[in-house]
């Protein structure tokens, strides 16, 4: 796991220019918290959960916005479980059912 050559400098330039940076992924195996930790390990200490939009977060945010108040059955990895916990949605299943 390494950064593409020149990416840190490019991202720093964009930030200096006042650009808001968001990292988007359709990989639901990690939560935004897990992705932020990975970015920190890569030397991008300024990346927070607010800079990351993952499908696991989108699913949890959608359920919360819909007023979902039942248990979700998850066929997926820890990322979606973490995001569901963050928004207070109970679940069954997880990695063993994936």
N, C-alpha and C. Protein backbone atom coordinates (compact mmCIF):
# COMPACT_ATOMS: atom_id res chain seq x y z
N UNK A 1 0.83 -1.19 0.00
CA UNK A 1 0.00 0.00 0.00
C UNK A 1 0.87 1.25 0.00
N UNK A 2 0.96 1.86 -1.13
CA UNK A 2 1.75 3.08 -1.27
C UNK A 2 0.97 4.10 -2.08
N UNK A 3 1.37 5.35 -1.93
CA UNK A 3 0.76 6.42 -2.71
C UNK A 3 1.33 6.45 -4.12
N UNK A 4 0.55 6.89 -5.07
CA UNK A 4 1.02 7.11 -6.42
C UNK A 4 2.02 8.27 -6.38
N UNK A 5 3.08 8.16 -7.14
CA UNK A 5 4.12 9.20 -7.14
C UNK A 5 3.50 10.57 -7.42
N UNK A 6 3.81 11.54 -6.58
CA UNK A 6 3.37 12.91 -6.74
C UNK A 6 1.98 13.22 -6.20
N UNK A 7 1.28 12.20 -5.69
CA UNK A 7 -0.10 12.44 -5.25
C UNK A 7 -0.17 13.33 -4.01
N UNK A 8 0.77 13.14 -3.09
CA UNK A 8 0.72 13.96 -1.87
C UNK A 8 0.88 15.44 -2.22
N UNK A 9 1.80 15.75 -3.09
CA UNK A 9 2.02 17.13 -3.51
C UNK A 9 0.79 17.69 -4.26
N UNK A 10 0.20 16.85 -5.09
CA UNK A 10 -0.99 17.27 -5.84
C UNK A 10 -2.15 17.56 -4.90
N UNK A 11 -2.37 16.67 -3.94
CA UNK A 11 -3.46 16.88 -2.98
C UNK A 11 -3.19 18.12 -2.13
N UNK A 12 -1.94 18.32 -1.73
CA UNK A 12 -1.59 19.52 -0.96
C UNK A 12 -1.87 20.79 -1.76
N UNK A 13 -1.54 20.78 -3.05
CA UNK A 13 -1.81 21.92 -3.91
C UNK A 13 -3.31 22.20 -3.99
N UNK A 14 -4.09 21.17 -4.21
CA UNK A 14 -5.55 21.35 -4.29
C UNK A 14 -6.11 21.91 -2.99
N UNK A 15 -5.60 21.45 -1.88
CA UNK A 15 -6.05 21.98 -0.58
C UNK A 15 -5.66 23.44 -0.42
N UNK A 16 -4.43 23.79 -0.82
CA UNK A 16 -4.01 25.20 -0.74
C UNK A 16 -4.88 26.09 -1.61
N UNK A 17 -5.39 25.55 -2.70
CA UNK A 17 -6.27 26.30 -3.59
C UNK A 17 -7.71 26.36 -3.06
N UNK A 18 -7.92 25.77 -1.90
CA UNK A 18 -9.24 25.83 -1.27
C UNK A 18 -10.22 24.78 -1.77
N UNK A 19 -9.74 23.77 -2.44
CA UNK A 19 -10.62 22.72 -2.95
C UNK A 19 -10.98 21.75 -1.83
N UNK A 20 -12.22 21.35 -1.81
CA UNK A 20 -12.67 20.33 -0.85
C UNK A 20 -12.45 18.98 -1.50
N UNK A 21 -11.73 18.11 -0.84
CA UNK A 21 -11.42 16.80 -1.40
C UNK A 21 -12.26 15.71 -0.74
N UNK A 22 -12.85 14.87 -1.58
CA UNK A 22 -13.65 13.76 -1.09
C UNK A 22 -13.18 12.51 -1.82
N UNK A 23 -12.95 11.47 -1.08
CA UNK A 23 -12.54 10.19 -1.64
C UNK A 23 -13.77 9.29 -1.67
N UNK A 24 -14.10 8.76 -2.84
CA UNK A 24 -15.31 7.96 -3.04
C UNK A 24 -14.91 6.54 -3.41
N UNK A 25 -15.58 5.57 -2.78
CA UNK A 25 -15.34 4.17 -3.10
C UNK A 25 -16.64 3.38 -3.04
N UNK A 26 -16.75 2.38 -3.89
CA UNK A 26 -17.91 1.49 -3.81
C UNK A 26 -17.55 0.20 -3.07
N UNK A 27 -16.39 0.19 -2.44
CA UNK A 27 -15.94 -0.96 -1.66
C UNK A 27 -16.50 -0.84 -0.25
N UNK A 28 -17.38 -1.76 0.13
CA UNK A 28 -18.03 -1.68 1.44
C UNK A 28 -17.33 -2.51 2.51
N UNK A 29 -16.15 -3.04 2.21
CA UNK A 29 -15.47 -3.90 3.18
C UNK A 29 -14.87 -3.11 4.34
N UNK A 30 -14.72 -1.80 4.18
CA UNK A 30 -14.16 -0.95 5.23
C UNK A 30 -15.12 0.19 5.54
N UNK A 31 -15.07 0.63 6.78
CA UNK A 31 -15.84 1.80 7.19
C UNK A 31 -15.03 3.05 6.89
N UNK A 32 -15.66 4.20 7.00
CA UNK A 32 -14.93 5.45 6.79
C UNK A 32 -13.82 5.58 7.83
N UNK A 33 -14.08 5.12 9.03
CA UNK A 33 -13.06 5.17 10.09
C UNK A 33 -11.84 4.33 9.69
N UNK A 34 -12.08 3.16 9.13
CA UNK A 34 -10.98 2.30 8.69
C UNK A 34 -10.22 2.93 7.52
N UNK A 35 -10.95 3.53 6.59
CA UNK A 35 -10.28 4.20 5.47
C UNK A 35 -9.44 5.38 5.95
N UNK A 36 -9.98 6.17 6.90
CA UNK A 36 -9.23 7.31 7.42
C UNK A 36 -7.93 6.85 8.07
N UNK A 37 -7.98 5.74 8.79
CA UNK A 37 -6.77 5.18 9.41
C UNK A 37 -5.75 4.78 8.33
N UNK A 38 -6.24 4.22 7.23
CA UNK A 38 -5.34 3.84 6.13
C UNK A 38 -4.68 5.08 5.53
N UNK A 39 -5.47 6.14 5.32
CA UNK A 39 -4.90 7.38 4.79
C UNK A 39 -3.82 7.93 5.72
N UNK A 40 -4.06 7.87 7.03
CA UNK A 40 -3.06 8.34 8.00
C UNK A 40 -1.77 7.53 7.88
N UNK A 41 -1.89 6.22 7.73
CA UNK A 41 -0.71 5.37 7.56
C UNK A 41 0.07 5.74 6.30
N UNK A 42 -0.63 6.25 5.29
CA UNK A 42 0.01 6.65 4.04
C UNK A 42 0.56 8.08 4.11
N UNK A 43 0.42 8.72 5.28
CA UNK A 43 0.97 10.06 5.44
C UNK A 43 0.01 11.19 5.12
N UNK A 44 -1.25 10.88 4.90
CA UNK A 44 -2.25 11.91 4.62
C UNK A 44 -3.06 12.15 5.89
N UNK A 45 -2.41 12.79 6.86
CA UNK A 45 -2.97 12.97 8.20
C UNK A 45 -4.21 13.84 8.24
N UNK A 46 -4.43 14.65 7.23
CA UNK A 46 -5.56 15.56 7.22
C UNK A 46 -6.87 14.90 6.78
N UNK A 47 -6.79 13.68 6.24
CA UNK A 47 -8.00 13.00 5.77
C UNK A 47 -8.78 12.48 6.98
N UNK A 48 -10.05 12.87 7.07
CA UNK A 48 -10.93 12.41 8.14
C UNK A 48 -12.10 11.65 7.54
N UNK A 49 -12.95 11.14 8.38
CA UNK A 49 -14.14 10.43 7.91
C UNK A 49 -15.01 11.33 7.04
N UNK A 50 -14.97 12.62 7.30
CA UNK A 50 -15.77 13.57 6.53
C UNK A 50 -15.29 13.70 5.08
N UNK A 51 -14.07 13.26 4.80
CA UNK A 51 -13.52 13.33 3.44
C UNK A 51 -13.76 12.05 2.65
N UNK A 52 -14.45 11.09 3.27
CA UNK A 52 -14.60 9.77 2.65
C UNK A 52 -16.08 9.45 2.46
N UNK A 53 -16.43 9.03 1.25
CA UNK A 53 -17.79 8.60 0.97
C UNK A 53 -17.72 7.18 0.44
N UNK A 54 -18.08 6.24 1.29
CA UNK A 54 -18.01 4.82 0.93
C UNK A 54 -19.43 4.26 0.80
N UNK A 55 -19.58 3.21 0.03
CA UNK A 55 -20.90 2.61 -0.14
C UNK A 55 -21.46 2.10 1.18
N UNK A 56 -20.59 1.67 2.09
CA UNK A 56 -21.06 1.22 3.40
C UNK A 56 -21.71 2.39 4.16
N UNK A 57 -21.12 3.57 4.07
CA UNK A 57 -21.69 4.76 4.69
C UNK A 57 -22.99 5.16 4.01
N UNK A 58 -23.02 5.10 2.68
CA UNK A 58 -24.23 5.47 1.94
C UNK A 58 -25.40 4.58 2.34
N UNK A 59 -25.16 3.29 2.46
CA UNK A 59 -26.23 2.36 2.84
C UNK A 59 -26.75 2.67 4.25
N UNK A 60 -25.84 2.89 5.19
CA UNK A 60 -26.26 3.18 6.57
C UNK A 60 -26.98 4.52 6.66
N UNK A 61 -26.48 5.52 5.96
CA UNK A 61 -27.11 6.85 5.97
C UNK A 61 -28.50 6.78 5.34
N UNK A 62 -28.65 6.01 4.28
CA UNK A 62 -29.95 5.86 3.64
C UNK A 62 -30.96 5.23 4.60
N UNK A 63 -30.56 4.14 5.24
CA UNK A 63 -31.47 3.47 6.18
C UNK A 63 -31.88 4.42 7.31
N UNK A 64 -30.92 5.16 7.83
CA UNK A 64 -31.23 6.10 8.91
C UNK A 64 -32.19 7.18 8.41
N UNK A 65 -31.95 7.71 7.23
CA UNK A 65 -32.81 8.77 6.67
C UNK A 65 -34.23 8.26 6.43
N UNK A 66 -34.36 6.96 6.16
CA UNK A 66 -35.68 6.38 5.93
C UNK A 66 -36.40 6.03 7.23
N UNK A 67 -35.72 6.25 8.37
CA UNK A 67 -36.32 5.93 9.67
C UNK A 67 -36.35 4.44 9.95
N UNK A 68 -35.44 3.71 9.35
CA UNK A 68 -35.36 2.26 9.54
C UNK A 68 -35.14 1.95 11.01
N UNK A 69 -36.04 1.16 11.61
CA UNK A 69 -35.91 0.87 13.04
C UNK A 69 -36.02 -0.62 13.34
N UNK A 70 -35.66 -1.43 12.36
CA UNK A 70 -35.65 -2.88 12.54
C UNK A 70 -34.20 -3.35 12.47
N UNK A 71 -33.98 -4.63 12.56
CA UNK A 71 -32.64 -5.17 12.39
C UNK A 71 -32.38 -5.42 10.91
N UNK A 72 -31.20 -5.06 10.48
CA UNK A 72 -30.78 -5.31 9.10
C UNK A 72 -30.04 -6.64 9.06
N UNK A 73 -30.28 -7.43 8.03
CA UNK A 73 -29.52 -8.65 7.83
C UNK A 73 -28.40 -8.32 6.85
N UNK A 74 -27.17 -8.45 7.31
CA UNK A 74 -26.01 -8.04 6.52
C UNK A 74 -25.31 -9.24 5.92
N UNK A 75 -25.15 -9.20 4.61
CA UNK A 75 -24.30 -10.16 3.91
C UNK A 75 -23.15 -9.30 3.40
N UNK A 76 -22.16 -9.11 4.24
CA UNK A 76 -21.07 -8.22 3.90
C UNK A 76 -19.98 -8.24 4.95
N UNK A 77 -19.09 -7.30 4.84
CA UNK A 77 -17.88 -7.27 5.67
C UNK A 77 -18.01 -6.26 6.81
N UNK A 78 -16.91 -6.10 7.55
CA UNK A 78 -16.90 -5.24 8.73
C UNK A 78 -17.21 -3.78 8.43
N UNK A 79 -16.92 -3.32 7.23
CA UNK A 79 -17.16 -1.91 6.90
C UNK A 79 -18.61 -1.52 7.08
N UNK A 80 -19.51 -2.31 6.54
CA UNK A 80 -20.93 -1.99 6.66
C UNK A 80 -21.39 -2.13 8.10
N UNK A 81 -20.85 -3.10 8.83
CA UNK A 81 -21.23 -3.27 10.23
C UNK A 81 -20.85 -2.03 11.04
N UNK A 82 -19.64 -1.51 10.82
CA UNK A 82 -19.18 -0.32 11.53
C UNK A 82 -20.05 0.89 11.24
N UNK A 83 -20.42 1.06 9.98
CA UNK A 83 -21.25 2.21 9.61
C UNK A 83 -22.67 2.08 10.18
N UNK A 84 -23.22 0.87 10.19
CA UNK A 84 -24.54 0.67 10.80
C UNK A 84 -24.49 0.99 12.30
N UNK A 85 -23.43 0.55 12.96
CA UNK A 85 -23.27 0.86 14.39
C UNK A 85 -23.19 2.36 14.62
N UNK A 86 -22.48 3.06 13.75
CA UNK A 86 -22.30 4.50 13.89
C UNK A 86 -23.64 5.24 13.87
N UNK A 87 -24.58 4.76 13.04
CA UNK A 87 -25.88 5.44 12.96
C UNK A 87 -26.94 4.79 13.85
N UNK A 88 -26.52 3.79 14.65
CA UNK A 88 -27.43 3.19 15.62
C UNK A 88 -28.39 2.16 15.08
N UNK A 89 -28.04 1.52 13.97
CA UNK A 89 -28.91 0.48 13.41
C UNK A 89 -28.39 -0.89 13.83
N UNK A 90 -29.29 -1.69 14.39
CA UNK A 90 -28.93 -3.05 14.79
C UNK A 90 -28.90 -3.95 13.56
N UNK A 91 -28.12 -5.03 13.67
CA UNK A 91 -27.97 -5.91 12.52
C UNK A 91 -27.74 -7.35 12.96
N UNK A 92 -27.95 -8.25 12.03
CA UNK A 92 -27.60 -9.66 12.16
C UNK A 92 -26.69 -9.98 10.98
N UNK A 93 -25.94 -11.07 11.08
CA UNK A 93 -25.09 -11.47 9.96
C UNK A 93 -23.76 -10.76 10.00
N UNK A 94 -23.12 -10.72 8.86
CA UNK A 94 -21.81 -10.09 8.76
C UNK A 94 -20.86 -10.92 7.92
N UNK A 95 -19.57 -10.82 8.18
CA UNK A 95 -18.57 -11.49 7.35
C UNK A 95 -18.78 -13.01 7.21
N UNK A 96 -19.24 -13.66 8.23
CA UNK A 96 -19.43 -15.11 8.16
C UNK A 96 -20.52 -15.48 7.16
N UNK A 97 -21.44 -14.55 6.91
CA UNK A 97 -22.53 -14.81 5.97
C UNK A 97 -22.22 -14.31 4.56
N UNK A 98 -21.09 -13.67 4.39
CA UNK A 98 -20.76 -13.09 3.08
C UNK A 98 -20.30 -14.14 2.10
